[in-house]
Amino acid sequence: MRTGAVLTLMMLCLTINLLPVSHALWLNLPNSGMKCVSEEIHNNVVVLADYVVISEDHEDLEDDTHLTPTISTKVTSPYGNNLHRRENVTHGQFAFTTNEAGNYLACFWVDGHHPGTEDVSVNLDWRTGIAAKDWDSVARKEKIQGIELELRKLGGAVEAIHENLLYLRSREAEMRTLSEQTNARVAWFSIMSLGICIAVSGLQLWHLKQFFQKKKLI
């Protein structure tokens, strides 16, 4: 029984660690233009992200407030709603719960008054779903630890996987319906085009016959 419990715990930890629910990104922003990251997220999912400008030019100086380059950021929903907007900052955080399914876009760009010529590096920690949940707070609030906490994490992971599968199934159904509608429209367009070609050909033959009759060639 003890061996089985150990193997079960190892499998739980491995399953949780393999879930792709957190993304750490390193962005190099040019002085002009912007860089964006996007992720397709379904409805009712918690999103939490932290971003910070990484600067190596002020490590030996006491006052680095004016030496650190500043950036601006904007986060929009699939329908173009603004979820987060900050300007002239060196770090920040945005958190929201999705109410639209689709691609969520986060864009970053360097403020125009930045005097440097090199790219600005930004570290972005993007977490969704189970990774955005504060498990330490849950453990303290509900007074759970050890295997019970890992089981709770696994339950959240299974629920997230189930919701993702349902979302993928719904998207597959939407794509299949769209494909069938497109095929039907293409078929009707092909039939209509063929009918128009036949009608035009018949009209041309009739005009050609009338021309020959007027010229008394037939």
Protein backbone atom coordinates (compact mmCIF):
# COMPACT_ATOMS: atom_id res chain seq x y z
CA MET A 1 0.00 0.00 0.00
CA ARG A 2 2.84 2.38 0.85
CA THR A 3 4.57 1.65 -2.46
CA GLY A 4 1.33 2.28 -4.35
CA ALA A 5 0.82 5.60 -2.58
CA VAL A 6 4.36 6.70 -3.44
CA LEU A 7 3.90 5.77 -7.10
CA THR A 8 0.57 7.59 -7.19
CA LEU A 9 2.13 10.73 -5.71
CA MET A 10 4.97 10.59 -8.26
CA MET A 11 2.48 10.29 -11.10
CA LEU A 12 0.48 13.22 -9.72
CA CYS A 13 3.53 15.45 -9.51
CA LEU A 14 4.65 14.44 -13.00
CA THR A 15 1.22 15.15 -14.44
CA ILE A 16 1.05 18.58 -12.81
CA ASN A 17 4.55 19.52 -13.95
CA LEU A 18 3.81 18.55 -17.55
CA LEU A 19 0.76 20.79 -17.86
CA PRO A 20 1.52 23.72 -20.24
CA VAL A 21 -0.21 26.44 -18.22
CA SER A 22 2.58 28.97 -17.62
CA HIS A 23 4.76 30.81 -20.11
CA ALA A 24 7.91 32.80 -19.32
CA LEU A 25 8.85 34.97 -22.30
CA TRP A 26 11.79 37.26 -23.03
CA LEU A 27 10.97 40.08 -25.44
CA ASN A 28 13.48 42.38 -27.14
CA LEU A 29 11.64 45.60 -28.00
CA PRO A 30 13.07 47.85 -30.74
CA ASN A 31 13.07 51.64 -30.35
CA SER A 32 10.35 51.92 -32.98
CA GLY A 33 7.42 49.60 -33.42
CA MET A 34 5.97 47.07 -31.01
CA LYS A 35 5.98 43.39 -30.22
CA CYS A 36 2.88 41.42 -29.31
CA VAL A 37 2.18 38.02 -27.83
CA SER A 38 -1.15 36.24 -28.08
CA GLU A 39 -2.78 33.15 -26.68
CA GLU A 40 -6.05 31.48 -27.57
CA ILE A 41 -8.06 31.17 -24.36
CA HIS A 42 -11.60 29.93 -23.86
CA ASN A 43 -14.27 31.54 -21.72
CA ASN A 44 -14.14 31.93 -17.90
CA VAL A 45 -10.38 31.43 -17.46
CA VAL A 46 -8.23 33.39 -15.02
CA VAL A 47 -5.22 35.13 -16.60
CA LEU A 48 -2.37 36.62 -14.56
CA ALA A 49 0.81 38.17 -15.98
CA ASP A 50 3.80 40.10 -14.65
CA TYR A 51 6.19 42.08 -16.83
CA VAL A 52 9.39 43.93 -15.98
CA VAL A 53 12.04 45.81 -17.95
CA ILE A 54 15.50 44.28 -17.66
CA SER A 55 18.29 46.85 -17.76
CA GLU A 56 22.00 46.20 -17.21
CA ASP A 57 23.25 49.78 -17.56
CA HIS A 58 22.59 50.89 -13.97
CA GLU A 59 23.89 48.05 -11.83
CA ASP A 60 26.70 50.11 -10.26
CA LEU A 61 24.69 53.29 -9.73
CA GLU A 62 22.64 54.21 -6.70
CA ASP A 63 19.93 56.20 -8.47
CA ASP A 64 18.74 54.26 -11.51
CA THR A 65 15.24 55.73 -11.78
CA HIS A 66 16.00 57.83 -14.85
CA LEU A 67 18.34 55.32 -16.48
CA THR A 68 15.91 52.45 -16.77
CA PRO A 69 14.00 52.65 -20.06
CA THR A 70 10.24 52.81 -19.80
CA ILE A 71 7.67 50.98 -21.88
CA SER A 72 3.97 51.04 -22.62
CA THR A 73 1.67 48.05 -22.75
CA LYS A 74 -1.82 47.29 -23.94
CA VAL A 75 -3.90 44.13 -23.56
CA THR A 76 -6.99 43.56 -25.69
CA SER A 77 -9.67 40.88 -25.90
CA PRO A 78 -10.63 39.00 -29.09
CA TYR A 79 -13.34 41.63 -29.78
CA GLY A 80 -10.97 44.57 -29.23
CA ASN A 81 -11.93 45.52 -25.68
CA ASN A 82 -9.13 47.13 -23.65
CA LEU A 83 -8.29 45.01 -20.59
CA HIS A 84 -5.07 46.73 -19.52
CA ARG A 85 -3.25 49.90 -20.55
CA ARG A 86 -0.13 51.39 -18.93
CA GLU A 87 2.35 54.00 -20.15
CA ASN A 88 5.79 55.12 -19.01
CA VAL A 89 6.39 52.16 -16.66
CA THR A 90 9.27 49.79 -15.94
CA HIS A 91 7.13 46.97 -14.55
CA GLY A 92 3.50 46.04 -14.09
CA GLN A 93 0.90 43.33 -13.77
CA PHE A 94 -2.46 42.59 -15.33
CA ALA A 95 -5.08 40.11 -14.22
CA PHE A 96 -8.53 39.35 -15.56
CA THR A 97 -11.06 36.58 -16.08
CA THR A 98 -11.92 35.96 -19.71
CA ASN A 99 -15.50 36.46 -20.85
CA GLU A 100 -14.77 36.01 -24.55
CA ALA A 101 -13.28 32.99 -26.28
CA GLY A 102 -10.47 33.65 -28.74
CA ASN A 103 -7.01 35.20 -29.05
CA TYR A 104 -6.00 37.61 -26.29
CA LEU A 105 -3.29 40.04 -27.39
CA ALA A 106 -0.66 41.79 -25.23
CA CYS A 107 1.48 44.40 -27.00
CA PHE A 108 4.60 46.19 -25.68
CA TRP A 109 6.54 49.13 -27.08
CA VAL A 110 9.27 51.51 -25.94
CA ASP A 111 8.25 55.05 -24.99
CA GLY A 112 9.26 57.65 -27.55
CA HIS A 113 11.53 59.64 -25.22
CA HIS A 114 13.90 56.72 -24.62
CA PRO A 115 17.35 58.05 -25.69
CA GLY A 116 19.08 54.69 -26.14
CA THR A 117 19.73 52.96 -29.43
CA GLU A 118 19.75 49.34 -28.27
CA ASP A 119 16.75 47.08 -27.86
CA VAL A 120 14.92 47.01 -24.54
CA SER A 121 14.50 43.60 -22.89
CA VAL A 122 11.24 42.74 -21.15
CA ASN A 123 10.57 39.63 -19.09
CA LEU A 124 6.93 38.46 -19.28
CA ASP A 125 5.50 35.79 -17.00
CA TRP A 126 2.12 34.77 -18.47
CA ARG A 127 -0.03 32.36 -16.44
CA THR A 128 -3.50 31.02 -17.17
CA GLY A 129 -5.94 28.67 -15.51
CA ILE A 130 -4.50 26.52 -12.76
CA ALA A 131 -1.08 28.20 -12.92
CA ALA A 132 -2.66 31.55 -12.02
CA LYS A 133 -4.16 30.17 -8.82
CA ASP A 134 -2.44 30.95 -5.52
CA TRP A 135 -2.09 27.45 -4.07
CA ASP A 136 -0.18 28.71 -1.02
CA SER A 137 -3.18 30.79 0.00
CA VAL A 138 -5.49 27.85 -0.61
CA ALA A 139 -3.30 25.60 1.54
CA ARG A 140 -3.20 28.12 4.40
CA LYS A 141 -6.91 28.88 4.22
CA GLU A 142 -8.10 25.27 4.08
CA LYS A 143 -5.21 23.90 6.18
CA ILE A 144 -4.17 21.22 3.72
CA GLN A 145 -0.72 20.03 2.74
CA GLY A 146 1.21 17.10 1.34
CA ILE A 147 -0.72 14.56 -0.70
CA GLU A 148 -4.03 16.30 -0.09
CA LEU A 149 -2.69 19.52 -1.62
CA GLU A 150 -1.25 17.64 -4.59
CA LEU A 151 -4.62 15.92 -5.09
CA ARG A 152 -6.31 19.31 -5.04
CA LYS A 153 -3.87 20.56 -7.68
CA LEU A 154 -4.46 17.46 -9.77
CA GLY A 155 -8.22 17.97 -9.49
CA GLY A 156 -7.83 21.53 -10.76
CA ALA A 157 -5.59 20.30 -13.57
CA VAL A 158 -8.08 17.62 -14.61
CA GLU A 159 -10.89 20.18 -14.58
CA ALA A 160 -8.80 22.54 -16.73
CA ILE A 161 -8.00 19.74 -19.18
CA HIS A 162 -11.68 18.80 -19.35
CA GLU A 163 -12.66 22.40 -20.08
CA ASN A 164 -9.98 22.63 -22.77
CA LEU A 165 -11.26 19.44 -24.40
CA LEU A 166 -14.82 20.80 -24.38
CA TYR A 167 -13.58 24.04 -25.89
CA LEU A 168 -11.64 22.21 -28.60
CA ARG A 169 -14.70 20.07 -29.34
CA SER A 170 -16.89 23.15 -29.71
CA ARG A 171 -14.30 24.81 -31.97
CA GLU A 172 -14.10 21.64 -34.05
CA ALA A 173 -17.89 21.64 -34.42
CA GLU A 174 -17.81 25.32 -35.45
CA MET A 175 -15.07 24.68 -37.99
CA ARG A 176 -16.90 21.65 -39.36
CA THR A 177 -20.12 23.66 -39.73
CA LEU A 178 -18.21 26.49 -41.40
CA SER A 179 -16.50 24.04 -43.75
CA GLU A 180 -19.82 22.43 -44.71
CA GLN A 181 -21.39 25.84 -45.33
CA THR A 182 -18.41 26.90 -47.42
CA ASN A 183 -18.53 23.70 -49.47
CA ALA A 184 -22.26 24.17 -50.05
CA ARG A 185 -21.76 27.78 -51.17
CA VAL A 186 -18.91 26.78 -53.48
CA ALA A 187 -21.10 24.04 -54.99
CA TRP A 188 -23.97 26.46 -55.59
CA PHE A 189 -21.57 29.03 -57.03
CA SER A 190 -20.12 26.41 -59.37
CA ILE A 191 -23.59 25.36 -60.54
CA MET A 192 -24.60 28.99 -61.02
CA SER A 193 -21.39 29.74 -62.94
CA LEU A 194 -21.94 26.70 -65.16
CA GLY A 195 -25.54 27.78 -65.81
CA ILE A 196 -24.43 31.31 -66.70
CA CYS A 197 -21.75 29.95 -69.05
CA ILE A 198 -24.29 27.71 -70.79
CA ALA A 199 -26.77 30.60 -71.09
CA VAL A 200 -24.11 32.94 -72.51
CA SER A 201 -22.95 30.27 -74.96
CA GLY A 202 -26.53 29.68 -76.12
CA LEU A 203 -27.10 33.43 -76.53
CA GLN A 204 -23.91 33.75 -78.57
CA LEU A 205 -24.97 30.86 -80.81
CA TRP A 206 -28.40 32.48 -81.33
CA HIS A 207 -26.81 35.83 -82.25
CA LEU A 208 -24.38 34.05 -84.57
CA LYS A 209 -27.29 32.24 -86.26
CA GLN A 210 -29.18 35.55 -86.68
CA PHE A 211 -26.05 37.13 -88.19
CA PHE A 212 -25.68 34.32 -90.74
CA GLN A 213 -29.36 34.52 -91.62
CA LYS A 214 -29.14 38.27 -92.22
CA LYS A 215 -26.11 37.76 -94.44
CA LYS A 216 -27.98 34.90 -96.17
CA LEU A 217 -25.11 32.57 -95.51
CA ILE A 218 -27.43 29.80 -94.34
